[in-house]
Amino acid sequence: MPPERKRMAGLWEREVGGLPPRHFANAVMASKDFVQSLSIQKRLRKHRGCVNTISFNSDGRFLLSGADDRNVVLWNWVEAAPTFSFHSGHSNNVLHAQFMPFSDDRSVVTCAADGEVRHSQIREGGCATTDKLVELDFAVHRLAVEPGSPYTFYCCCEDSSVWLFDLRGKDAVELFRCRTADHFTADDIELFAIAIDPRKPCCFAVAGSDEYVRIYDTRKIGLDGNSNSGLATEHFCPPHLIGENKDGITGLAYSQTSELLASYSHDNIYLFSREHGLHFNNIEVDERLLMDETGPLPFCRDKLPIPKAFKGHTNQHTIKGVNFLGPNCDYVTSGSDCGRIFIWRKKDGELIRVMNGDRHIVNCVEQHPSGIVVASSGIDNDIKIWEPGEGETHSIATDDKVKEDMWLSTSSDSDGLIYNGDFDYVMDLDDIYLYGNADGHSSNEDEDGSSEEDDDGDISAEEDDDGDDSAEEGVDGENSAGDMSDG
């Protein structure tokens, strides 16, 4: 049946009571036509630096963002206006920010390139207070909030440590160090991603500077610092990368059914499920395998199940996330070094949409919790809101010739053309991550704070820098913190 007739049949079933409204809405939002109708409807402008993190609150009314300017902004994204903004208290780029559940959207946790994890509380009367929970020697890239808990969350750090936080007592506990072996001479794994399994909140995944995704069970992690605390219960890795030590992982995301996406640098995005686990396939993940000292592998790669791959984007120069889209995680999406957003169909890995999302690199793509509204951010100072309907036309054909052109245009030989030396490379893992300038200016911003012209001819408005270094700051928009919960 043609797509139009399917839609009309579904509409008729809904009207006569044969199809529940929620099922109808989910079917529409999961359709390819609906995803292909996305276009930029709004641009959120206030940050003065690369926007490194975006996330919706639980009901989708607000969007939270953090950037190189060290500010955190709460947005009324429908009105494309900031509701409240404050200085995070961090001394370097904010890398991740999250709302804590059941806090009326007034409790926010952040981590940054300065190695700090901070807790901010938005008070009545339009001010925010921030407390430093821990200060480490290396950047803290990612947070993972325990589902349904207003107090508990985790973080992962470049020094290989995984930490557990409980805001009731402001306790910070180092759970373990992620290493290639148990003894003290083992190499540490720089960690860039952490994600909690929504169906089993006691389990979480971490990944970083090697080719393995490690799964941990908090019920099996001791809090006494003993050497058994850092033993993973499962490992995932595409068969062709096992023991190669050629890649790293920048992003993880769980689906509603515990499928796990992993975005590899210099490679593809892979979808893992239980049957792809090395332990599940009776492969002993020992010190020799993790440290790539095995020589010939003690098992046959060809006998291992191959995870589904999502191909076409490039992920070599920043810490990019990866995500699912659709009411039932029907699609997979990621940013790319070429400044585009890629959307694949999950069931077969087909690339169905490529959209221009940034003049340089797209790092974050996040979906609204209850609708097909997508937010994206990257090196540009603004946040794009994508909704179905007429808007800025940024879609790109996905035929083989265009895909080939994109691969050629985003090869490593073009790095100098993109960045012109405006970023400082600070990592050894094939320059996988770029820190923006510590003063909050991105490469596309002039010294006076004005921005270059967008590809579509729009000029970003100049904004005052509200990045005061104080830990407590009042509201700098028209709305106070007291108005925030009312939207």
Protein backbone atom coordinates (compact mmCIF):
# COMPACT_ATOMS: atom_id res chain seq x y z
CA MET A 1 0.00 0.00 0.00
CA PRO A 2 1.43 3.45 -0.88
CA PRO A 3 2.53 5.54 2.13
CA GLU A 4 -0.28 8.09 1.63
CA ARG A 5 -2.94 5.37 1.68
CA LYS A 6 -1.37 3.84 4.80
CA ARG A 7 -1.54 7.20 6.57
CA MET A 8 -5.17 7.70 5.53
CA ALA A 9 -6.07 4.17 6.66
CA GLY A 10 -4.43 4.83 10.02
CA LEU A 11 -6.26 8.13 10.36
CA TRP A 12 -9.58 6.43 9.59
CA GLU A 13 -8.89 3.70 12.19
CA ARG A 14 -8.10 6.34 14.79
CA GLU A 15 -11.27 8.29 14.05
CA VAL A 16 -13.54 5.22 14.37
CA GLY A 17 -11.83 4.08 17.56
CA GLY A 18 -9.93 1.14 16.09
CA LEU A 19 -6.49 2.60 16.74
CA PRO A 20 -5.62 4.25 20.07
CA PRO A 21 -4.44 7.87 19.63
CA ARG A 22 -1.08 7.12 21.24
CA HIS A 23 -0.44 4.21 18.87
CA PHE A 24 -1.42 6.40 15.94
CA ALA A 25 0.93 9.18 17.07
CA ASN A 26 3.78 6.72 17.57
CA ALA A 27 3.22 5.22 14.12
CA VAL A 28 3.29 8.66 12.51
CA MET A 29 6.39 9.78 14.42
CA ALA A 30 8.20 6.55 13.50
CA SER A 31 7.48 6.93 9.79
CA LYS A 32 10.23 7.70 7.33
CA ASP A 33 8.21 10.52 5.77
CA PHE A 34 7.88 12.25 9.13
CA VAL A 35 11.61 12.07 9.81
CA GLN A 36 12.34 13.36 6.32
CA SER A 37 10.13 16.39 6.94
CA LEU A 38 12.41 17.73 9.69
CA SER A 39 13.84 21.17 9.09
CA ILE A 40 15.37 23.93 11.20
CA GLN A 41 12.51 25.89 12.76
CA LYS A 42 14.38 27.83 15.45
CA ARG A 43 17.89 28.86 16.44
CA LEU A 44 18.69 29.39 20.11
CA ARG A 45 21.34 32.07 20.54
CA LYS A 46 22.97 33.13 23.77
CA HIS A 47 26.18 31.14 24.24
CA ARG A 48 29.52 32.59 23.21
CA GLY A 49 31.42 29.42 22.43
CA CYS A 50 30.96 25.87 21.19
CA VAL A 51 27.82 24.28 22.66
CA ASN A 52 29.04 20.95 24.02
CA THR A 53 25.92 19.60 25.71
CA ILE A 54 22.16 19.80 25.24
CA SER A 55 19.37 17.85 26.95
CA PHE A 56 15.60 18.11 27.40
CA ASN A 57 13.94 17.90 30.78
CA SER A 58 11.58 14.98 31.52
CA ASP A 59 8.46 16.51 29.98
CA GLY A 60 10.27 18.30 27.18
CA ARG A 61 9.29 21.86 28.14
CA PHE A 62 12.85 23.03 28.71
CA LEU A 63 16.21 22.48 27.08
CA LEU A 64 19.45 22.62 29.07
CA SER A 65 22.75 23.59 27.44
CA GLY A 66 26.38 24.14 28.43
CA ALA A 67 29.24 25.56 26.41
CA ASP A 68 32.83 26.74 26.20
CA ASP A 69 31.76 30.05 27.72
CA ARG A 70 31.28 28.08 31.00
CA ASN A 71 27.64 29.17 31.21
CA VAL A 72 24.57 26.95 31.63
CA VAL A 73 21.33 28.06 29.98
CA LEU A 74 17.76 26.84 30.44
CA TRP A 75 15.73 27.47 27.32
CA ASN A 76 12.07 27.83 26.55
CA TRP A 77 12.78 26.26 23.19
CA VAL A 78 9.23 26.81 21.91
CA GLU A 79 9.72 30.57 22.23
CA ALA A 80 13.43 30.29 21.29
CA ALA A 81 14.25 32.31 24.40
CA PRO A 82 16.48 31.70 27.43
CA THR A 83 14.45 31.25 30.62
CA PHE A 84 17.40 31.36 32.98
CA SER A 85 21.19 31.32 32.69
CA PHE A 86 24.02 31.23 35.18
CA HIS A 87 27.75 30.74 35.37
CA SER A 88 28.50 27.10 36.11
CA GLY A 89 31.42 27.83 38.44
CA HIS A 90 33.74 25.82 36.19
CA SER A 91 37.03 27.34 35.08
CA ASN A 92 37.05 25.56 31.71
CA ASN A 93 34.62 24.33 29.06
CA VAL A 94 31.40 22.72 30.30
CA LEU A 95 31.29 19.28 28.65
CA HIS A 96 28.04 17.81 29.99
CA ALA A 97 25.01 19.04 31.94
CA GLN A 98 21.96 17.14 33.14
CA PHE A 99 18.74 17.82 35.04
CA MET A 100 18.27 15.67 38.12
CA PRO A 101 14.88 13.88 38.06
CA PHE A 102 12.00 14.97 40.30
CA SER A 103 13.69 18.25 41.23
CA ASP A 104 11.25 20.60 39.49
CA ASP A 105 14.09 21.20 37.03
CA ARG A 106 15.98 23.20 39.63
CA SER A 107 18.79 20.72 40.32
CA VAL A 108 21.50 20.53 37.65
CA VAL A 109 24.78 18.60 37.60
CA THR A 110 27.68 19.51 35.34
CA CYS A 111 31.17 18.29 34.49
CA ALA A 112 33.91 20.08 32.61
CA ALA A 113 37.38 20.13 31.14
CA ASP A 114 38.71 21.51 34.43
CA GLY A 115 38.17 18.10 36.07
CA GLU A 116 35.36 19.30 38.33
CA VAL A 117 31.89 17.88 38.87
CA ARG A 118 29.49 20.49 40.24
CA HIS A 119 25.91 20.61 41.53
CA SER A 120 23.88 23.76 40.85
CA GLN A 121 20.56 24.62 42.46
CA ILE A 122 18.24 27.24 41.01
CA ARG A 123 16.69 29.17 43.87
CA GLU A 124 13.52 31.19 44.19
CA GLY A 125 14.04 34.81 43.32
CA GLY A 126 16.30 34.26 40.34
CA CYS A 127 19.68 33.08 41.55
CA ALA A 128 21.71 29.89 41.31
CA THR A 129 24.21 28.41 43.77
CA THR A 130 26.87 25.91 42.75
CA ASP A 131 28.81 23.42 44.86
CA LYS A 132 31.94 21.57 43.81
CA LEU A 133 31.48 17.84 44.42
CA VAL A 134 34.89 16.63 43.27
CA GLU A 135 37.98 18.01 41.52
CA LEU A 136 40.13 15.65 39.45
CA ASP A 137 43.34 16.10 37.49
CA PHE A 138 41.81 15.35 34.09
CA ALA A 139 38.72 16.30 32.12
CA VAL A 140 35.41 14.74 33.12
CA HIS A 141 33.53 14.11 29.90
CA ARG A 142 30.21 12.52 30.74
CA LEU A 143 27.57 12.09 33.42
CA ALA A 144 24.94 9.35 33.76
CA VAL A 145 21.93 10.05 35.99
CA GLU A 146 20.25 7.06 37.62
CA PRO A 147 16.69 6.82 36.21
CA GLY A 148 14.09 8.03 38.68
CA SER A 149 16.60 9.17 41.30
CA PRO A 150 16.87 12.87 42.24
CA TYR A 151 20.14 12.20 44.07
CA THR A 152 22.32 9.55 42.39
CA PHE A 153 24.50 9.84 39.30
CA TYR A 154 27.83 8.66 37.88
CA CYS A 155 30.66 10.22 35.91
CA CYS A 156 33.63 8.98 33.90
CA CYS A 157 36.98 10.73 33.62
CA GLU A 158 40.03 10.86 31.37
CA ASP A 159 42.15 9.37 34.19
CA SER A 160 40.12 6.11 33.80
CA SER A 161 38.13 6.62 37.01
CA VAL A 162 34.40 6.04 37.45
CA TRP A 163 32.69 7.92 40.30
CA LEU A 164 29.38 7.58 42.12
CA PHE A 165 27.67 10.65 43.62
CA ASP A 166 24.84 10.95 46.14
CA LEU A 167 23.56 14.51 46.53
CA ARG A 168 21.89 13.78 49.87
CA GLY A 169 25.26 13.82 51.57
CA LYS A 170 27.30 15.32 48.71
CA ASP A 171 29.35 12.14 48.81
CA ALA A 172 31.69 11.30 45.94
CA VAL A 173 33.04 7.75 45.80
CA GLU A 174 35.57 6.48 43.29
CA LEU A 175 34.22 3.08 42.27
CA PHE A 176 37.18 1.82 40.25
CA ARG A 177 39.80 2.59 37.61
CA CYS A 178 39.18 1.14 34.15
CA ARG A 179 42.42 -0.62 33.16
CA THR A 180 43.56 -3.15 30.62
CA ALA A 181 44.54 -5.51 33.44
CA ASP A 182 44.32 -5.86 37.20
CA HIS A 183 47.90 -5.12 38.13
CA PHE A 184 49.38 -1.69 38.71
CA THR A 185 51.50 -1.69 35.55
CA ALA A 186 48.44 -1.88 33.31
CA ASP A 187 47.56 0.98 31.00
CA ASP A 188 44.67 3.20 32.05
CA ILE A 189 41.73 3.64 29.68
CA GLU A 190 40.78 7.26 29.09
CA LEU A 191 37.00 7.29 29.46
CA PHE A 192 34.79 9.44 27.24
CA ALA A 193 31.33 7.86 27.58
CA ILE A 194 29.08 6.30 30.22
CA ALA A 195 25.44 5.18 29.92
CA ILE A 196 22.98 3.44 32.26
CA ASP A 197 20.80 0.56 31.05
CA PRO A 198 17.18 1.82 31.44
CA ARG A 199 15.82 -1.70 31.96
CA LYS A 200 18.48 -2.61 34.51
CA PRO A 201 19.63 0.60 36.25
CA CYS A 202 22.10 -1.45 38.28
CA CYS A 203 24.13 -1.93 35.06
CA PHE A 204 26.06 0.69 33.14
CA ALA A 205 28.45 0.81 30.20
CA VAL A 206 31.69 2.78 29.85
CA ALA A 207 33.98 3.28 26.88
CA GLY A 208 36.99 5.32 25.89
CA SER A 209 40.42 5.07 24.35
CA ASP A 210 40.38 1.40 23.36
CA GLU A 211 38.06 -0.76 21.26
CA TYR A 212 35.99 -2.35 24.05
CA VAL A 213 32.67 -1.37 25.60
CA ARG A 214 32.69 -2.59 29.21
CA ILE A 215 29.55 -3.42 31.18
CA TYR A 216 29.53 -3.17 34.98
CA ASP A 217 26.99 -4.29 37.56
CA THR A 218 26.84 -2.05 40.63
CA ARG A 219 25.74 -5.03 42.72
CA LYS A 220 29.16 -6.55 42.08
CA ILE A 221 31.21 -3.42 42.67
CA GLY A 222 32.64 -3.03 46.15
CA LEU A 223 32.92 0.42 47.67
CA ASP A 224 36.01 -0.51 49.71
CA GLY A 225 38.51 0.11 46.91
CA ASN A 226 39.52 -3.54 46.55
CA SER A 227 41.05 -4.77 43.32
CA ASN A 228 37.94 -6.68 42.26
CA SER A 229 35.89 -3.50 41.97
CA GLY A 230 36.89 -2.82 38.39
CA LEU A 231 36.02 -6.19 36.84
CA ALA A 232 33.59 -5.85 33.93
CA THR A 233 30.78 -8.37 33.62
CA GLU A 234 30.75 -8.16 29.81
CA HIS A 235 32.72 -6.74 26.89
CA PHE A 236 31.47 -5.72 23.45
CA CYS A 237 33.60 -5.16 20.35
CA PRO A 238 33.09 -5.66 16.60
CA PRO A 239 34.98 -8.86 15.64
CA HIS A 240 37.30 -7.11 13.19
CA LEU A 241 38.51 -4.70 15.92
CA ILE A 242 39.20 -7.23 18.67
CA GLY A 243 42.84 -7.02 19.73
CA GLU A 244 43.66 -4.38 17.12
CA ASN A 245 44.05 -1.39 19.46
CA LYS A 246 43.30 0.93 16.54
CA ASP A 247 40.25 2.75 17.70
CA GLY A 248 38.43 4.50 20.50
CA ILE A 249 34.79 5.08 21.39
CA THR A 250 33.32 8.56 21.88
CA GLY A 251 29.61 7.93 22.49
CA LEU A 252 27.25 5.36 24.01
CA ALA A 253 23.44 5.16 24.10
CA TYR A 254 20.99 2.55 25.35
CA SER A 255 17.64 1.84 23.70
CA GLN A 256 14.43 1.07 25.57
CA THR A 257 15.18 -2.64 25.08
CA SER A 258 18.81 -2.50 26.30
CA GLU A 259 20.39 -2.44 22.86
CA LEU A 260 23.62 -0.45 23.03
CA LEU A 261 25.00 1.94 20.44
CA ALA A 262 28.73 2.66 20.36
CA SER A 263 30.25 5.34 18.14
CA TYR A 264 33.81 4.47 17.14
CA SER A 265 36.36 7.06 16.11
CA HIS A 266 37.82 6.35 12.66
CA ASP A 267 35.15 3.67 12.19
CA ASN A 268 31.38 3.19 12.23
CA ILE A 269 28.59 3.18 14.78
CA TYR A 270 27.69 -0.33 15.97
CA LEU A 271 24.56 -1.74 17.63
CA PHE A 272 25.26 -4.36 20.30
CA SER A 273 22.80 -6.69 21.96
CA ARG A 274 23.32 -9.54 24.42
CA GLU A 275 24.41 -12.09 21.81
CA HIS A 276 27.34 -9.91 20.74
CA GLY A 277 29.00 -10.07 24.16
CA LEU A 278 32.41 -11.74 24.28
CA HIS A 279 31.59 -13.42 27.58
CA PHE A 280 28.26 -14.56 26.12
CA ASN A 281 30.25 -16.22 23.30
CA ASN A 282 32.55 -17.97 25.82
CA ILE A 283 35.54 -15.80 24.99
CA GLU A 284 37.80 -15.14 27.94
CA VAL A 285 38.61 -11.44 28.05
CA ASP A 286 41.90 -11.68 29.89
CA GLU A 287 44.93 -9.45 30.29
CA ARG A 288 46.60 -10.68 27.11
CA LEU A 289 43.56 -9.91 24.98
CA LEU A 290 42.93 -6.46 26.48
CA MET A 291 46.58 -5.46 26.19
CA ASP A 292 46.72 -6.69 22.56
CA GLU A 293 49.55 -9.11 23.25
CA THR A 294 47.79 -12.19 21.95
CA GLY A 295 49.47 -12.68 18.60
CA PRO A 296 47.06 -14.94 16.72
CA LEU A 297 43.66 -14.78 18.38
CA PRO A 298 42.71 -17.90 20.39
CA PHE A 299 39.32 -17.97 18.64
CA CYS A 300 37.89 -17.52 15.15
CA ARG A 301 36.51 -14.06 14.39
CA ASP A 302 34.31 -15.49 11.63
CA LYS A 303 32.26 -17.43 14.17
CA LEU A 304 31.29 -14.35 16.16
CA PRO A 305 28.00 -12.55 15.44
CA ILE A 306 28.54 -9.26 13.62
CA PRO A 307 26.76 -6.23 15.07
CA LYS A 308 24.74 -3.96 12.80
CA ALA A 309 26.81 -1.05 11.48
CA PHE A 310 25.72 2.48 10.60
CA LYS A 311 28.03 3.98 8.03
CA GLY A 312 28.67 7.27 6.27
CA HIS A 313 29.59 9.84 8.92
CA THR A 314 33.09 10.72 10.13
CA ASN A 315 34.10 10.87 13.79
CA GLN A 316 37.74 11.78 14.22
CA HIS A 317 38.09 15.24 15.74
CA THR A 318 35.69 15.70 18.66
CA ILE A 319 33.90 13.70 21.33
CA LYS A 320 30.63 13.00 19.53
CA GLY A 321 27.56 11.50 21.05
CA VAL A 322 25.21 9.01 19.41
CA ASN A 323 21.48 8.60 19.96
CA PHE A 324 18.26 6.89 19.04
CA LEU A 325 15.31 8.70 17.48
CA GLY A 326 11.65 7.77 17.30
CA PRO A 327 9.12 6.63 19.92
CA ASN A 328 10.48 3.08 19.85
CA CYS A 329 14.12 3.91 19.05
CA ASP A 330 13.33 3.37 15.37
CA TYR A 331 16.29 5.39 14.08
CA VAL A 332 19.93 6.07 14.91
CA THR A 333 21.44 9.53 14.65
CA SER A 334 24.84 11.18 15.02
CA GLY A 335 26.71 14.32 14.12
CA SER A 336 29.73 14.28 11.86
CA ASP A 337 33.02 16.07 11.22
CA CYS A 338 31.52 17.39 7.98
CA GLY A 339 28.98 19.50 9.89
CA ARG A 340 26.02 17.27 9.06
CA ILE A 341 23.47 15.21 10.98
CA PHE A 342 23.07 11.62 9.84
CA ILE A 343 19.92 9.54 10.45
CA TRP A 344 19.81 5.80 9.78
CA ARG A 345 16.94 3.34 10.03
CA LYS A 346 17.78 1.00 12.89
CA LYS A 347 16.26 -2.20 11.55
CA ASP A 348 18.41 -2.35 8.40
CA GLY A 349 21.08 0.35 8.83
CA GLU A 350 19.90 2.30 5.77
CA LEU A 351 20.98 5.94 5.68
CA ILE A 352 17.75 7.85 5.12
CA ARG A 353 18.57 11.46 5.93
CA VAL A 354 21.59 13.79 5.92
CA MET A 355 21.10 17.39 7.08
CA ASN A 356 23.40 20.40 7.34
CA GLY A 357 23.62 21.15 11.06
CA ASP A 358 26.79 23.21 11.61
CA ARG A 359 29.40 25.12 9.66
CA HIS A 360 32.11 22.89 11.14
CA ILE A 361 31.18 19.86 13.29
CA VAL A 362 27.96 18.54 14.84
CA ASN A 363 28.61 16.92 18.23
CA CYS A 364 25.18 16.58 19.89
CA VAL A 365 21.81 15.42 18.58
CA GLU A 366 19.03 15.02 21.17
CA GLN A 367 15.36 14.14 20.77
CA HIS A 368 12.41 15.57 22.66
CA PRO A 369 11.12 12.93 25.14
CA SER A 370 7.62 12.75 23.64
CA GLY A 371 7.71 14.09 20.11
CA ILE A 372 9.70 14.37 16.91
CA VAL A 373 11.51 17.53 17.91
CA VAL A 374 15.27 17.32 17.62
CA ALA A 375 17.92 19.68 18.98
CA SER A 376 21.48 19.77 17.65
CA SER A 377 24.66 21.63 18.52
CA GLY A 378 28.36 21.69 17.75
CA ILE A 379 31.13 24.16 17.01
CA ASP A 380 28.68 26.95 16.16
CA ASN A 381 27.48 29.11 19.03
CA ASP A 382 23.78 28.40 18.46
CA ILE A 383 21.46 25.44 19.00
CA LYS A 384 19.23 24.30 16.14
CA ILE A 385 15.68 23.08 16.77
CA TRP A 386 14.40 20.69 14.10
CA GLU A 387 10.66 20.09 13.64
CA PRO A 388 8.48 18.83 10.76
CA GLY A 389 7.29 21.55 8.45
CA GLU A 390 8.58 24.25 6.20
CA GLY A 391 11.77 25.87 7.43
CA GLU A 392 15.39 26.23 6.47
CA THR A 393 16.14 23.64 3.80
CA HIS A 394 19.14 21.65 4.90
CA SER A 395 18.46 18.19 3.54
CA ILE A 396 21.03 16.47 1.34
CA ALA A 397 20.44 13.61 -1.07
CA THR A 398 21.80 10.29 0.12
CA ASP A 399 22.65 8.63 -3.17
CA ASP A 400 25.96 6.84 -3.54
CA LYS A 401 27.67 9.71 -5.36
CA VAL A 402 26.86 12.22 -2.61
CA LYS A 403 28.01 9.76 0.07
CA GLU A 404 31.29 9.28 -1.77
CA ASP A 405 31.75 13.05 -2.05
CA MET A 406 31.14 13.46 1.67
CA TRP A 407 33.78 10.87 2.54
CA LEU A 408 36.31 12.61 0.30
CA SER A 409 35.49 16.09 1.59
CA THR A 410 35.88 15.05 5.24
CA SER A 411 39.10 13.10 4.99
CA SER A 412 41.90 13.84 7.45
CA ASP A 413 43.78 15.75 4.76
CA SER A 414 41.25 18.58 4.99
CA ASP A 415 41.70 19.26 8.71
CA GLY A 416 43.68 22.45 8.15
CA LEU A 417 40.98 23.83 5.88
CA ILE A 418 38.39 23.39 8.59
CA TYR A 419 40.17 24.62 11.68
CA ASN A 420 42.99 26.90 10.50
CA GLY A 421 44.88 26.19 13.70
CA ASP A 422 42.33 27.85 15.97
CA PHE A 423 41.99 24.84 18.27
CA ASP A 424 44.53 23.34 20.62
CA TYR A 425 44.96 19.60 20.26
CA VAL A 426 45.44 18.24 23.76
CA MET A 427 45.08 14.46 23.48
CA ASP A 428 47.27 11.66 22.25
CA LEU A 429 44.47 9.40 20.98
CA ASP A 430 44.81 10.43 17.35
CA ASP A 431 43.65 13.93 18.31
CA ILE A 432 40.21 12.54 19.06
CA TYR A 433 39.07 15.51 21.13
CA LEU A 434 39.40 19.24 20.63
CA TYR A 435 39.17 21.71 23.44
CA GLY A 436 37.86 25.09 22.43
CA ASN A 437 39.58 28.15 23.70
CA ALA A 438 39.40 28.38 27.48
CA ASP A 439 38.16 31.95 27.30
CA GLY A 440 34.92 30.78 25.74
CA HIS A 441 35.52 31.92 22.15
CA SER A 442 35.08 29.41 19.39
CA SER A 443 36.91 29.39 16.09
CA ASN A 444 34.04 31.11 14.29
CA GLU A 445 33.80 34.03 16.68
CA ASP A 446 35.59 37.32 16.34
CA GLU A 447 37.45 38.95 19.19
CA ASP A 448 34.59 41.38 19.79
CA GLY A 449 32.08 38.57 20.22
CA SER A 450 30.40 38.85 16.82
CA SER A 451 29.97 35.75 14.69
CA GLU A 452 30.53 34.96 11.08
CA GLU A 453 27.70 34.76 8.60
CA ASP A 454 25.81 31.45 8.51
CA ASP A 455 25.69 29.35 5.37
CA ASP A 456 22.11 30.46 4.80
CA GLY A 457 23.01 34.13 5.13
CA ASP A 458 21.80 34.65 8.70
CA ILE A 459 23.94 36.74 10.97
CA SER A 460 24.25 35.64 14.59
CA ALA A 461 23.30 38.44 16.93
CA GLU A 462 25.87 39.86 19.26
CA GLU A 463 25.29 39.01 22.89
CA ASP A 464 26.65 40.26 26.14
CA ASP A 465 28.93 37.88 27.99
CA ASP A 466 27.23 37.01 31.25
CA GLY A 467 30.03 34.64 32.20
CA ASP A 468 30.77 36.19 35.56
CA ASP A 469 33.06 33.92 37.57
CA SER A 470 30.94 34.12 40.70
CA ALA A 471 29.37 30.91 41.97
CA GLU A 472 26.04 32.66 42.51
CA GLU A 473 24.37 34.71 39.82
CA GLY A 474 20.99 36.28 39.26
CA VAL A 475 18.75 35.85 36.28
CA ASP A 476 19.83 37.70 33.16
CA GLY A 477 16.66 37.26 31.11
CA GLU A 478 13.17 38.63 31.53
CA ASN A 479 11.95 35.57 33.41
CA SER A 480 13.03 34.65 36.92
CA ALA A 481 13.83 31.23 38.25
CA GLY A 482 10.47 31.25 39.95
CA ASP A 483 8.76 31.47 36.54
CA MET A 484 10.74 28.60 35.12
CA SER A 485 8.58 25.73 36.35
CA ASP A 486 5.57 27.35 34.72
CA GLY A 487 7.25 27.34 31.31
